[in-house]
């Protein structure tokens, strides 16, 4: 038996762990799979007479989890340039009416 540990930066949630396990489970010769989303690693014990590490890496890459490839995030736009009206709101001032304070029961505090 041989053991290989592969870093998978794109495996960062539980559903990714399930996908990685499904991709590797179908390979003949795999004995044990330990996948961790927290460590972003998978450790696979396999029979080297039936399977090679390159075949495991090819199966992971085919499933969308290539080893040591960083996750590509969308670029962050400046909040004033995103085109939404959220950041263009004018300053607002509110006042609490006396009747509202009396109805709330907290009038004694003011």
Protein backbone atom coordinates (compact mmCIF):
# COMPACT_ATOMS: atom_id res chain seq x y z
CA UNK A 1 0.00 0.00 0.00
CA UNK A 2 1.11 3.50 -0.81
CA UNK A 3 -0.14 6.78 0.67
CA UNK A 4 -0.24 10.20 -0.98
CA UNK A 5 -1.31 13.56 0.46
CA UNK A 6 -2.49 16.15 -2.07
CA UNK A 7 -3.20 19.84 -1.40
CA UNK A 8 -6.47 20.98 -2.97
CA UNK A 9 -6.99 24.74 -2.41
CA UNK A 10 -10.40 24.62 -4.10
CA UNK A 11 -11.75 22.12 -1.55
CA UNK A 12 -12.95 24.58 1.10
CA UNK A 13 -16.45 23.34 2.02
CA UNK A 14 -18.21 20.09 2.85
CA UNK A 15 -19.79 19.69 -0.57
CA UNK A 16 -16.31 19.90 -2.10
CA UNK A 17 -15.16 17.09 0.20
CA UNK A 18 -18.05 14.95 -1.05
CA UNK A 19 -17.17 15.69 -4.69
CA UNK A 20 -13.51 14.80 -4.12
CA UNK A 21 -14.45 11.57 -2.35
CA UNK A 22 -16.78 10.60 -5.21
CA UNK A 23 -14.09 11.32 -7.81
CA UNK A 24 -11.51 9.14 -6.07
CA UNK A 25 -13.81 6.38 -4.81
CA UNK A 26 -14.50 5.21 -8.36
CA UNK A 27 -10.84 4.40 -8.97
CA UNK A 28 -9.80 0.77 -8.68
CA UNK A 29 -7.19 0.23 -5.96
CA UNK A 30 -8.23 3.01 -3.57
CA UNK A 31 -8.30 1.71 0.01
CA UNK A 32 -8.86 4.79 2.18
CA UNK A 33 -9.73 8.45 1.64
CA UNK A 34 -9.36 11.12 4.29
CA UNK A 35 -10.41 14.55 3.03
CA UNK A 36 -10.39 17.75 5.08
CA UNK A 37 -11.92 21.02 3.96
CA UNK A 38 -10.29 22.81 6.89
CA UNK A 39 -6.80 21.73 5.82
CA UNK A 40 -7.70 21.65 2.12
CA UNK A 41 -5.95 18.32 1.77
CA UNK A 42 -6.87 14.78 0.82
CA UNK A 43 -4.89 11.74 1.95
CA UNK A 44 -5.39 8.63 -0.14
CA UNK A 45 -4.15 5.12 0.60
CA UNK A 46 -4.05 3.01 -2.56
CA UNK A 47 -2.60 -0.17 -4.05
CA UNK A 48 0.33 0.89 -6.22
CA UNK A 49 0.00 -2.25 -8.40
CA UNK A 50 -3.46 -1.11 -9.55
CA UNK A 51 -3.21 2.67 -9.42
CA UNK A 52 -0.63 5.46 -9.61
CA UNK A 53 -0.52 8.90 -8.03
CA UNK A 54 -0.73 10.44 -11.51
CA UNK A 55 -4.03 8.65 -12.13
CA UNK A 56 -5.39 9.99 -8.83
CA UNK A 57 -4.32 13.53 -9.73
CA UNK A 58 -5.89 13.14 -13.18
CA UNK A 59 -9.19 12.03 -11.60
CA UNK A 60 -9.15 15.00 -9.20
CA UNK A 61 -8.34 17.41 -12.01
CA UNK A 62 -11.16 15.94 -14.10
CA UNK A 63 -13.56 16.52 -11.21
CA UNK A 64 -12.53 20.19 -11.05
CA UNK A 65 -10.07 20.01 -8.15
CA UNK A 66 -6.58 20.38 -9.59
CA UNK A 67 -3.83 20.22 -6.97
CA UNK A 68 -2.05 23.39 -5.86
CA UNK A 69 -4.15 25.69 -8.06
CA UNK A 70 -5.30 28.74 -6.14
CA UNK A 71 -8.94 29.82 -6.10
CA UNK A 72 -9.62 32.71 -8.47
CA UNK A 73 -11.79 35.34 -6.80
CA UNK A 74 -13.74 38.05 -8.57
CA UNK A 75 -12.13 41.49 -8.47
CA UNK A 76 -13.39 43.81 -5.77
CA UNK A 77 -14.80 47.09 -7.03
CA UNK A 78 -14.72 50.25 -5.00
CA UNK A 79 -18.01 50.71 -3.20
CA UNK A 80 -18.58 54.13 -4.72
CA UNK A 81 -18.12 52.74 -8.23
CA UNK A 82 -20.45 49.76 -8.19
CA UNK A 83 -23.34 51.76 -9.65
CA UNK A 84 -25.81 51.07 -6.86
CA UNK A 85 -27.87 53.72 -5.12
CA UNK A 86 -26.87 52.36 -1.72
CA UNK A 87 -23.78 54.54 -1.47
CA UNK A 88 -25.44 57.61 -2.95
CA UNK A 89 -28.01 58.07 -0.17
CA UNK A 90 -28.14 61.46 1.49
CA UNK A 91 -27.68 61.82 5.21
CA UNK A 92 -30.95 61.52 7.08
CA UNK A 93 -31.87 62.74 10.53
CA UNK A 94 -34.76 61.31 12.51
CA UNK A 95 -36.50 62.48 15.63
CA UNK A 96 -38.62 60.46 18.00
CA UNK A 97 -42.01 61.88 18.84
CA UNK A 98 -43.12 62.12 22.45
CA UNK A 99 -46.23 59.96 21.78
CA UNK A 100 -44.03 57.12 20.52
CA UNK A 101 -41.92 57.25 23.66
CA UNK A 102 -45.01 57.16 25.87
CA UNK A 103 -46.46 54.19 23.98
CA UNK A 104 -43.22 52.22 24.21
CA UNK A 105 -43.31 52.20 28.01
CA UNK A 106 -39.80 53.58 28.21
CA UNK A 107 -40.96 57.14 28.70
CA UNK A 108 -39.82 57.11 32.32
CA UNK A 109 -36.20 56.73 31.22
CA UNK A 110 -36.12 59.98 29.26
